[in-house]
Amino acid sequence: ADPTTGVIASFAAFAVGFVARPIGGIVFGHYGDRLG
């Protein structure tokens, strides 16, 4: 990619972590309330 597009693509990979965080919150939250 050109420099600007490369930065956007790099930050897009960075943003994927935020998509996963609610899923982790739901799973860990459930077992945190159930198991400790």
Full PDB file with SEQRES, HELIX, SHEET, SSBOND, CRYST1, ORIGX, SCALE, CONECT and MASTER records, all heavy atoms in Angstrom:
SEQRES   1 A   36  ALA ASP PRO THR THR GLY VAL ILE ALA SER PHE ALA ALA          
SEQRES   2 A   36  PHE ALA VAL GLY PHE VAL ALA ARG PRO ILE GLY GLY ILE          
SEQRES   3 A   36  VAL PHE GLY HIS TYR GLY ASP ARG LEU GLY                      
HELIX    1 AA1 PRO A    3  ARG A   34  1                                  32    
CRYST1    1.000    1.000    1.000  90.00  90.00  90.00 P 1           1          
ORIGX1      1.000000  0.000000  0.000000        0.00000                         
ORIGX2      0.000000  1.000000  0.000000        0.00000                         
ORIGX3      0.000000  0.000000  1.000000        0.00000                         
SCALE1      1.000000  0.000000  0.000000        0.00000                         
SCALE2      0.000000  1.000000  0.000000        0.00000                         
SCALE3      0.000000  0.000000  1.000000        0.00000                         
ATOM      1  N   ALA A   1       0.837  -1.198   0.000  1.00  0.00           N  
ATOM      2  CA  ALA A   1       0.000   0.000   0.000  1.00  0.00           C  
ATOM      3  C   ALA A   1       0.876   1.254   0.000  1.00  0.00           C  
ATOM      4  O   ALA A   1       2.041   1.232   0.375  1.00  0.00           O  
ATOM      5  CB  ALA A   1      -0.908  -0.003   1.226  1.00  0.00           C  
ATOM      6  N   ASP A   2       0.274   2.388  -0.436  1.00  0.00           N  
ATOM      7  CA  ASP A   2       0.960   3.663  -0.305  1.00  0.00           C  
ATOM      8  C   ASP A   2       1.009   4.027   1.177  1.00  0.00           C  
ATOM      9  O   ASP A   2       0.309   3.422   1.995  1.00  0.00           O  
ATOM     10  CB  ASP A   2       0.233   4.752  -1.107  1.00  0.00           C  
ATOM     11  CG  ASP A   2      -1.168   5.011  -0.583  1.00  0.00           C  
ATOM     12  OD1 ASP A   2      -1.297   5.761   0.397  1.00  0.00           O  
ATOM     13  OD2 ASP A   2      -2.120   4.442  -1.145  1.00  0.00           O  
ATOM     14  N   PRO A   3       1.854   5.006   1.590  1.00  0.00           N  
ATOM     15  CA  PRO A   3       2.050   5.274   3.018  1.00  0.00           C  
ATOM     16  C   PRO A   3       0.765   5.527   3.801  1.00  0.00           C  
ATOM     17  O   PRO A   3       0.574   4.972   4.880  1.00  0.00           O  
ATOM     18  CB  PRO A   3       2.962   6.510   3.006  1.00  0.00           C  
ATOM     19  CG  PRO A   3       3.729   6.384   1.727  1.00  0.00           C  
ATOM     20  CD  PRO A   3       2.769   5.782   0.741  1.00  0.00           C  
ATOM     21  N   THR A   4      -0.133   6.345   3.265  1.00  0.00           N  
ATOM     22  CA  THR A   4      -1.373   6.649   3.995  1.00  0.00           C  
ATOM     23  C   THR A   4      -2.253   5.417   4.121  1.00  0.00           C  
ATOM     24  O   THR A   4      -2.779   5.108   5.194  1.00  0.00           O  
ATOM     25  CB  THR A   4      -2.147   7.771   3.295  1.00  0.00           C  
ATOM     26  OG1 THR A   4      -1.333   8.950   3.263  1.00  0.00           O  
ATOM     27  CG2 THR A   4      -3.443   8.072   4.039  1.00  0.00           C  
ATOM     28  N   THR A   5      -2.417   4.676   3.018  1.00  0.00           N  
ATOM     29  CA  THR A   5      -3.228   3.461   3.051  1.00  0.00           C  
ATOM     30  C   THR A   5      -2.601   2.417   3.967  1.00  0.00           C  
ATOM     31  O   THR A   5      -3.306   1.688   4.679  1.00  0.00           O  
ATOM     32  CB  THR A   5      -3.393   2.887   1.639  1.00  0.00           C  
ATOM     33  OG1 THR A   5      -3.946   3.890   0.783  1.00  0.00           O  
ATOM     34  CG2 THR A   5      -4.309   1.671   1.644  1.00  0.00           C  
ATOM     35  N   GLY A   6      -1.271   2.357   3.985  1.00  0.00           N  
ATOM     36  CA  GLY A   6      -0.592   1.414   4.864  1.00  0.00           C  
ATOM     37  C   GLY A   6      -0.850   1.705   6.320  1.00  0.00           C  
ATOM     38  O   GLY A   6      -1.048   0.787   7.125  1.00  0.00           O  
ATOM     39  N   VAL A   7      -0.863   3.006   6.697  1.00  0.00           N  
ATOM     40  CA  VAL A   7      -1.166   3.389   8.075  1.00  0.00           C  
ATOM     41  C   VAL A   7      -2.594   2.987   8.435  1.00  0.00           C  
ATOM     42  O   VAL A   7      -2.861   2.439   9.509  1.00  0.00           O  
ATOM     43  CB  VAL A   7      -0.964   4.903   8.286  1.00  0.00           C  
ATOM     44  CG1 VAL A   7      -1.521   5.340   9.637  1.00  0.00           C  
ATOM     45  CG2 VAL A   7       0.515   5.250   8.192  1.00  0.00           C  
ATOM     46  N   ILE A   8      -3.537   3.241   7.517  1.00  0.00           N  
ATOM     47  CA  ILE A   8      -4.939   2.887   7.766  1.00  0.00           C  
ATOM     48  C   ILE A   8      -5.082   1.374   7.921  1.00  0.00           C  
ATOM     49  O   ILE A   8      -5.777   0.879   8.816  1.00  0.00           O  
ATOM     50  CB  ILE A   8      -5.842   3.418   6.638  1.00  0.00           C  
ATOM     51  CG1 ILE A   8      -5.850   4.954   6.648  1.00  0.00           C  
ATOM     52  CG2 ILE A   8      -7.266   2.877   6.783  1.00  0.00           C  
ATOM     53  CD1 ILE A   8      -6.609   5.568   5.487  1.00  0.00           C  
ATOM     54  N   ALA A   9      -4.416   0.597   7.054  1.00  0.00           N  
ATOM     55  CA  ALA A   9      -4.494  -0.865   7.144  1.00  0.00           C  
ATOM     56  C   ALA A   9      -3.881  -1.364   8.448  1.00  0.00           C  
ATOM     57  O   ALA A   9      -4.403  -2.285   9.084  1.00  0.00           O  
ATOM     58  CB  ALA A   9      -3.779  -1.498   5.950  1.00  0.00           C  
ATOM     59  N   SER A  10      -2.780  -0.745   8.855  1.00  0.00           N  
ATOM     60  CA  SER A  10      -2.138  -1.129  10.110  1.00  0.00           C  
ATOM     61  C   SER A  10      -3.051  -0.860  11.292  1.00  0.00           C  
ATOM     62  O   SER A  10      -3.198  -1.692  12.200  1.00  0.00           O  
ATOM     63  CB  SER A  10      -0.825  -0.359  10.261  1.00  0.00           C  
ATOM     64  OG  SER A  10      -0.157  -0.718  11.447  1.00  0.00           O  
ATOM     65  N   PHE A  11      -3.704   0.288  11.305  1.00  0.00           N  
ATOM     66  CA  PHE A  11      -4.641   0.611  12.377  1.00  0.00           C  
ATOM     67  C   PHE A  11      -5.902  -0.251  12.301  1.00  0.00           C  
ATOM     68  O   PHE A  11      -6.563  -0.474  13.319  1.00  0.00           O  
ATOM     69  CB  PHE A  11      -5.011   2.090  12.334  1.00  0.00           C  
ATOM     70  CG  PHE A  11      -3.968   2.989  12.950  1.00  0.00           C  
ATOM     71  CD1 PHE A  11      -3.654   4.217  12.378  1.00  0.00           C  
ATOM     72  CD2 PHE A  11      -3.303   2.626  14.105  1.00  0.00           C  
ATOM     73  CE1 PHE A  11      -2.697   5.049  12.937  1.00  0.00           C  
ATOM     74  CE2 PHE A  11      -2.340   3.436  14.674  1.00  0.00           C  
ATOM     75  CZ  PHE A  11      -2.037   4.652  14.090  1.00  0.00           C  
ATOM     76  N   ALA A  12      -6.249  -0.742  11.112  1.00  0.00           N  
ATOM     77  CA  ALA A  12      -7.391  -1.638  10.994  1.00  0.00           C  
ATOM     78  C   ALA A  12      -7.104  -2.949  11.724  1.00  0.00           C  
ATOM     79  O   ALA A  12      -7.968  -3.492  12.429  1.00  0.00           O  
ATOM     80  CB  ALA A  12      -7.709  -1.909   9.527  1.00  0.00           C  
ATOM     81  N   ALA A  13      -5.877  -3.469  11.571  1.00  0.00           N  
ATOM     82  CA  ALA A  13      -5.487  -4.659  12.328  1.00  0.00           C  
ATOM     83  C   ALA A  13      -5.507  -4.363  13.823  1.00  0.00           C  
ATOM     84  O   ALA A  13      -5.921  -5.198  14.636  1.00  0.00           O  
ATOM     85  CB  ALA A  13      -4.094  -5.117  11.890  1.00  0.00           C  
ATOM     86  N   PHE A  14      -5.069  -3.162  14.194  1.00  0.00           N  
ATOM     87  CA  PHE A  14      -5.115  -2.727  15.593  1.00  0.00           C  
ATOM     88  C   PHE A  14      -6.552  -2.735  16.106  1.00  0.00           C  
ATOM     89  O   PHE A  14      -6.830  -3.168  17.228  1.00  0.00           O  
ATOM     90  CB  PHE A  14      -4.514  -1.324  15.677  1.00  0.00           C  
ATOM     91  CG  PHE A  14      -4.593  -0.685  17.037  1.00  0.00           C  
ATOM     92  CD1 PHE A  14      -3.795  -1.122  18.074  1.00  0.00           C  
ATOM     93  CD2 PHE A  14      -5.448   0.378  17.268  1.00  0.00           C  
ATOM     94  CE1 PHE A  14      -3.854  -0.519  19.331  1.00  0.00           C  
ATOM     95  CE2 PHE A  14      -5.517   0.985  18.509  1.00  0.00           C  
ATOM     96  CZ  PHE A  14      -4.714   0.534  19.536  1.00  0.00           C  
ATOM     97  N   ALA A  15      -7.497  -2.273  15.274  1.00  0.00           N  
ATOM     98  CA  ALA A  15      -8.898  -2.154  15.694  1.00  0.00           C  
ATOM     99  C   ALA A  15      -9.570  -3.502  15.889  1.00  0.00           C  
ATOM    100  O   ALA A  15     -10.552  -3.610  16.629  1.00  0.00           O  
ATOM    101  CB  ALA A  15      -9.684  -1.335  14.670  1.00  0.00           C  
ATOM    102  N   VAL A  16      -9.066  -4.549  15.229  1.00  0.00           N  
ATOM    103  CA  VAL A  16      -9.661  -5.880  15.384  1.00  0.00           C  
ATOM    104  C   VAL A  16      -9.659  -6.309  16.846  1.00  0.00           C  
ATOM    105  O   VAL A  16     -10.575  -6.995  17.312  1.00  0.00           O  
ATOM    106  CB  VAL A  16      -8.905  -6.903  14.503  1.00  0.00           C  
ATOM    107  CG1 VAL A  16      -9.266  -8.331  14.885  1.00  0.00           C  
ATOM    108  CG2 VAL A  16      -9.233  -6.662  13.042  1.00  0.00           C  
ATOM    109  N   GLY A  17      -8.645  -5.902  17.571  1.00  0.00           N  
ATOM    110  CA  GLY A  17      -8.596  -6.232  18.988  1.00  0.00           C  
ATOM    111  C   GLY A  17      -9.780  -5.681  19.758  1.00  0.00           C  
ATOM    112  O   GLY A  17     -10.248  -6.295  20.726  1.00  0.00           O  
ATOM    113  N   PHE A  18     -10.285  -4.536  19.325  1.00  0.00           N  
ATOM    114  CA  PHE A  18     -11.430  -3.945  20.007  1.00  0.00           C  
ATOM    115  C   PHE A  18     -12.720  -4.678  19.668  1.00  0.00           C  
ATOM    116  O   PHE A  18     -13.637  -4.732  20.489  1.00  0.00           O  
ATOM    117  CB  PHE A  18     -11.534  -2.468  19.630  1.00  0.00           C  
ATOM    118  CG  PHE A  18     -10.393  -1.644  20.146  1.00  0.00           C  
ATOM    119  CD1 PHE A  18      -9.307  -1.347  19.345  1.00  0.00           C  
ATOM    120  CD2 PHE A  18     -10.388  -1.192  21.449  1.00  0.00           C  
ATOM    121  CE1 PHE A  18      -8.253  -0.610  19.821  1.00  0.00           C  
ATOM    122  CE2 PHE A  18      -9.337  -0.453  21.945  1.00  0.00           C  
ATOM    123  CZ  PHE A  18      -8.261  -0.158  21.129  1.00  0.00           C  
ATOM    124  N   VAL A  19     -12.798  -5.239  18.479  1.00  0.00           N  
ATOM    125  CA  VAL A  19     -13.968  -6.051  18.120  1.00  0.00           C  
ATOM    126  C   VAL A  19     -14.034  -7.288  19.007  1.00  0.00           C  
ATOM    127  O   VAL A  19     -15.114  -7.730  19.413  1.00  0.00           O  
ATOM    128  CB  VAL A  19     -13.899  -6.447  16.633  1.00  0.00           C  
ATOM    129  CG1 VAL A  19     -15.052  -7.373  16.269  1.00  0.00           C  
ATOM    130  CG2 VAL A  19     -13.925  -5.198  15.745  1.00  0.00           C  
ATOM    131  N   ALA A  20     -12.873  -7.839  19.330  1.00  0.00           N  
ATOM    132  CA  ALA A  20     -12.835  -9.061  20.133  1.00  0.00           C  
ATOM    133  C   ALA A  20     -13.070  -8.804  21.612  1.00  0.00           C  
ATOM    134  O   ALA A  20     -13.474  -9.716  22.346  1.00  0.00           O  
ATOM    135  CB  ALA A  20     -11.480  -9.755  19.951  1.00  0.00           C  
ATOM    136  N   ARG A  21     -12.832  -7.597  22.071  1.00  0.00           N  
ATOM    137  CA  ARG A  21     -12.907  -7.334  23.506  1.00  0.00           C  
ATOM    138  C   ARG A  21     -14.293  -7.584  24.109  1.00  0.00           C  
ATOM    139  O   ARG A  21     -14.391  -8.176  25.194  1.00  0.00           O  
ATOM    140  CB  ARG A  21     -12.428  -5.911  23.799  1.00  0.00           C  
ATOM    141  CG  ARG A  21     -10.906  -5.809  23.791  1.00  0.00           C  
ATOM    142  CD  ARG A  21     -10.404  -4.400  23.898  1.00  0.00           C  
ATOM    143  NE  ARG A  21     -10.777  -3.775  25.174  1.00  0.00           N  
ATOM    144  CZ  ARG A  21     -10.315  -2.596  25.569  1.00  0.00           C  
ATOM    145  NH1 ARG A  21      -9.464  -1.919  24.794  1.00  0.00           N  
ATOM    146  NH2 ARG A  21     -10.679  -2.085  26.725  1.00  0.00           N  
ATOM    147  N   PRO A  22     -15.400  -7.178  23.468  1.00  0.00           N  
ATOM    148  CA  PRO A  22     -16.713  -7.501  24.055  1.00  0.00           C  
ATOM    149  C   PRO A  22     -16.976  -9.000  24.127  1.00  0.00           C  
ATOM    150  O   PRO A  22     -17.629  -9.472  25.061  1.00  0.00           O  
ATOM    151  CB  PRO A  22     -17.709  -6.814  23.108  1.00  0.00           C  
ATOM    152  CG  PRO A  22     -16.915  -5.771  22.417  1.00  0.00           C  
ATOM    153  CD  PRO A  22     -15.543  -6.328  22.277  1.00  0.00           C  
ATOM    154  N   ILE A  23     -16.481  -9.744  23.133  1.00  0.00           N  
ATOM    155  CA  ILE A  23     -16.660 -11.198  23.172  1.00  0.00           C  
ATOM    156  C   ILE A  23     -15.936 -11.767  24.384  1.00  0.00           C  
ATOM    157  O   ILE A  23     -16.479 -12.595  25.130  1.00  0.00           O  
ATOM    158  CB  ILE A  23     -16.142 -11.831  21.864  1.00  0.00           C  
ATOM    159  CG1 ILE A  23     -16.870 -11.247  20.663  1.00  0.00           C  
ATOM    160  CG2 ILE A  23     -16.318 -13.352  21.912  1.00  0.00           C  
ATOM    161  CD1 ILE A  23     -16.313 -11.706  19.325  1.00  0.00           C  
ATOM    162  N   GLY A  24     -14.696 -11.308  24.584  1.00  0.00           N  
ATOM    163  CA  GLY A  24     -13.966 -11.734  25.776  1.00  0.00           C  
ATOM    164  C   GLY A  24     -14.646 -11.293  27.048  1.00  0.00           C  
ATOM    165  O   GLY A  24     -14.685 -12.031  28.038  1.00  0.00           O  
ATOM    166  N   GLY A  25     -15.206 -10.068  27.035  1.00  0.00           N  
ATOM    167  CA  GLY A  25     -15.912  -9.574  28.211  1.00  0.00           C  
ATOM    168  C   GLY A  25     -17.114 -10.424  28.561  1.00  0.00           C  
ATOM    169  O   GLY A  25     -17.380 -10.704  29.742  1.00  0.00           O  
ATOM    170  N   ILE A  26     -17.865 -10.860  27.542  1.00  0.00           N  
ATOM    171  CA  ILE A  26     -19.047 -11.697  27.779  1.00  0.00           C  
ATOM    172  C   ILE A  26     -18.637 -13.059  28.332  1.00  0.00           C  
ATOM    173  O   ILE A  26     -19.192 -13.551  29.323  1.00  0.00           O  
ATOM    174  CB  ILE A  26     -19.855 -11.859  26.474  1.00  0.00           C  
ATOM    175  CG1 ILE A  26     -20.508 -10.524  26.086  1.00  0.00           C  
ATOM    176  CG2 ILE A  26     -20.911 -12.950  26.623  1.00  0.00           C  
ATOM    177  CD1 ILE A  26     -21.167 -10.545  24.729  1.00  0.00           C  
ATOM    178  N   VAL A  27     -17.650 -13.686  27.701  1.00  0.00           N  
ATOM    179  CA  VAL A  27     -17.231 -15.030  28.115  1.00  0.00           C  
ATOM    180  C   VAL A  27     -16.596 -15.001  29.505  1.00  0.00           C  
ATOM    181  O   VAL A  27     -16.993 -15.755  30.403  1.00  0.00           O  
ATOM    182  CB  VAL A  27     -16.253 -15.632  27.083  1.00  0.00           C  
ATOM    183  CG1 VAL A  27     -15.698 -16.958  27.599  1.00  0.00           C  
ATOM    184  CG2 VAL A  27     -16.944 -15.823  25.745  1.00  0.00           C  
ATOM    185  N   PHE A  28     -15.614 -14.129  29.691  1.00  0.00           N  
ATOM    186  CA  PHE A  28     -14.955 -14.052  30.989  1.00  0.00           C  
ATOM    187  C   PHE A  28     -15.914 -13.531  32.060  1.00  0.00           C  
ATOM    188  O   PHE A  28     -15.844 -13.943  33.221  1.00  0.00           O  
ATOM    189  CB  PHE A  28     -13.723 -13.152  30.906  1.00  0.00           C  
ATOM    190  CG  PHE A  28     -12.514 -13.820  30.316  1.00  0.00           C  
ATOM    191  CD1 PHE A  28     -12.234 -13.706  28.973  1.00  0.00           C  
ATOM    192  CD2 PHE A  28     -11.660 -14.562  31.117  1.00  0.00           C  
ATOM    193  CE1 PHE A  28     -11.118 -14.316  28.421  1.00  0.00           C  
ATOM    194  CE2 PHE A  28     -10.541 -15.183  30.574  1.00  0.00           C  
ATOM    195  CZ  PHE A  28     -10.271 -15.057  29.214  1.00  0.00           C  
ATOM    196  N   GLY A  29     -16.794 -12.603  31.690  1.00  0.00           N  
ATOM    197  CA  GLY A  29     -17.765 -12.087  32.638  1.00  0.00           C  
ATOM    198  C   GLY A  29     -18.699 -13.172  33.144  1.00  0.00           C  
ATOM    199  O   GLY A  29     -19.005 -13.248  34.344  1.00  0.00           O  
ATOM    200  N   HIS A  30     -19.168 -14.021  32.217  1.00  0.00           N  
ATOM    201  CA  HIS A  30     -20.066 -15.119  32.607  1.00  0.00           C  
ATOM    202  C   HIS A  30     -19.391 -16.040  33.620  1.00  0.00           C  
ATOM    203  O   HIS A  30     -19.942 -16.328  34.688  1.00  0.00           O  
ATOM    204  CB  HIS A  30     -20.471 -15.918  31.367  1.00  0.00           C  
ATOM    205  CG  HIS A  30     -21.217 -17.179  31.678  1.00  0.00           C  
ATOM    206  ND1 HIS A  30     -22.564 -17.189  31.969  1.00  0.00           N  
ATOM    207  CD2 HIS A  30     -20.796 -18.476  31.774  1.00  0.00           C  
ATOM    208  CE1 HIS A  30     -22.951 -18.439  32.222  1.00  0.00           C  
ATOM    209  NE2 HIS A  30     -21.898 -19.232  32.106  1.00  0.00           N  
ATOM    210  N   TYR A  31     -18.183 -16.492  33.281  1.00  0.00           N  
ATOM    211  CA  TYR A  31     -17.502 -17.428  34.180  1.00  0.00           C  
ATOM    212  C   TYR A  31     -16.960 -16.725  35.419  1.00  0.00           C  
ATOM    213  O   TYR A  31     -16.803 -17.365  36.476  1.00  0.00           O  
ATOM    214  CB  TYR A  31     -16.404 -18.161  33.426  1.00  0.00           C  
ATOM    215  CG  TYR A  31     -16.953 -19.166  32.444  1.00  0.00           C  
ATOM    216  CD1 TYR A  31     -16.952 -18.895  31.071  1.00  0.00           C  
ATOM    217  CD2 TYR A  31     -17.512 -20.360  32.882  1.00  0.00           C  
ATOM    218  CE1 TYR A  31     -17.486 -19.809  30.165  1.00  0.00           C  
ATOM    219  CE2 TYR A  31     -18.054 -21.269  31.989  1.00  0.00           C  
ATOM    220  CZ  TYR A  31     -18.038 -20.991  30.639  1.00  0.00           C  
ATOM    221  OH  TYR A  31     -18.583 -21.892  29.749  1.00  0.00           O  
ATOM    222  N   GLY A  32     -16.688 -15.421  35.321  1.00  0.00           N  
ATOM    223  CA  GLY A  32     -16.284 -14.679  36.510  1.00  0.00           C  
ATOM    224  C   GLY A  32     -17.399 -14.565  37.520  1.00  0.00           C  
ATOM    225  O   GLY A  32     -17.168 -14.618  38.736  1.00  0.00           O  
ATOM    226  N   ASP A  33     -18.644 -14.449  37.035  1.00  0.00           N  
ATOM    227  CA  ASP A  33     -19.804 -14.411  37.930  1.00  0.00           C  
ATOM    228  C   ASP A  33     -20.208 -15.806  38.406  1.00  0.00           C  
ATOM    229  O   ASP A  33     -20.823 -15.953  39.462  1.00  0.00           O  
ATOM    230  CB  ASP A  33     -20.999 -13.751  37.222  1.00  0.00           C  
ATOM    231  CG  ASP A  33     -20.890 -12.237  37.175  1.00  0.00           C  
ATOM    232  OD1 ASP A  33     -20.327 -11.657  38.118  1.00  0.00           O  
ATOM    233  OD2 ASP A  33     -21.367 -11.636  36.196  1.00  0.00           O  
ATOM    234  N   ARG A  34     -19.862 -16.826  37.617  1.00  0.00           N  
ATOM    235  CA  ARG A  34     -20.235 -18.190  37.979  1.00  0.00           C  
ATOM    236  C   ARG A  34     -19.149 -18.907  38.786  1.00  0.00           C  
ATOM    237  O   ARG A  34     -19.435 -19.607  39.756  1.00  0.00           O  
ATOM    238  CB  ARG A  34     -20.520 -19.006  36.700  1.00  0.00           C  
ATOM    239  CG  ARG A  34     -21.756 -18.557  35.937  1.00  0.00           C  
ATOM    240  CD  ARG A  34     -23.027 -18.914  36.685  1.00  0.00           C  
ATOM    241  NE  ARG A  34     -23.118 -20.349  36.928  1.00  0.00           N  
ATOM    242  CZ  ARG A  34     -23.905 -20.887  37.849  1.00  0.00           C  
ATOM    243  NH1 ARG A  34     -24.660 -20.124  38.614  1.00  0.00           N  
ATOM    244  NH2 ARG A  34     -23.938 -22.209  38.020  1.00  0.00           N  
ATOM    245  N   LEU A  35     -17.870 -18.748  38.384  1.00  0.00           N  
ATOM    246  CA  LEU A  35     -16.778 -19.520  38.986  1.00  0.00           C  
ATOM    247  C   LEU A  35     -15.867 -18.693  39.870  1.00  0.00           C  
ATOM    248  O   LEU A  35     -15.119 -19.250  40.679  1.00  0.00           O  
ATOM    249  CB  LEU A  35     -15.937 -20.188  37.883  1.00  0.00           C  
ATOM    250  CG  LEU A  35     -16.688 -21.099  36.903  1.00  0.00           C  
ATOM    251  CD1 LEU A  35     -15.719 -21.647  35.859  1.00  0.00           C  
ATOM    252  CD2 LEU A  35     -17.389 -22.231  37.646  1.00  0.00           C  
ATOM    253  N   GLY A  36     -15.871 -17.376  39.694  1.00  0.00           N  
ATOM    254  CA  GLY A  36     -15.021 -16.532  40.527  1.00  0.00           C  
ATOM    255  C   GLY A  36     -14.156 -15.585  39.731  1.00  0.00           C  
ATOM    256  O   GLY A  36     -13.841 -15.822  38.561  1.00  0.00           O  
TER     257      GLY A  36                                                      
MASTER        0    0    0    1    0    0    0    6  256    1    0    3          
END                                                                             
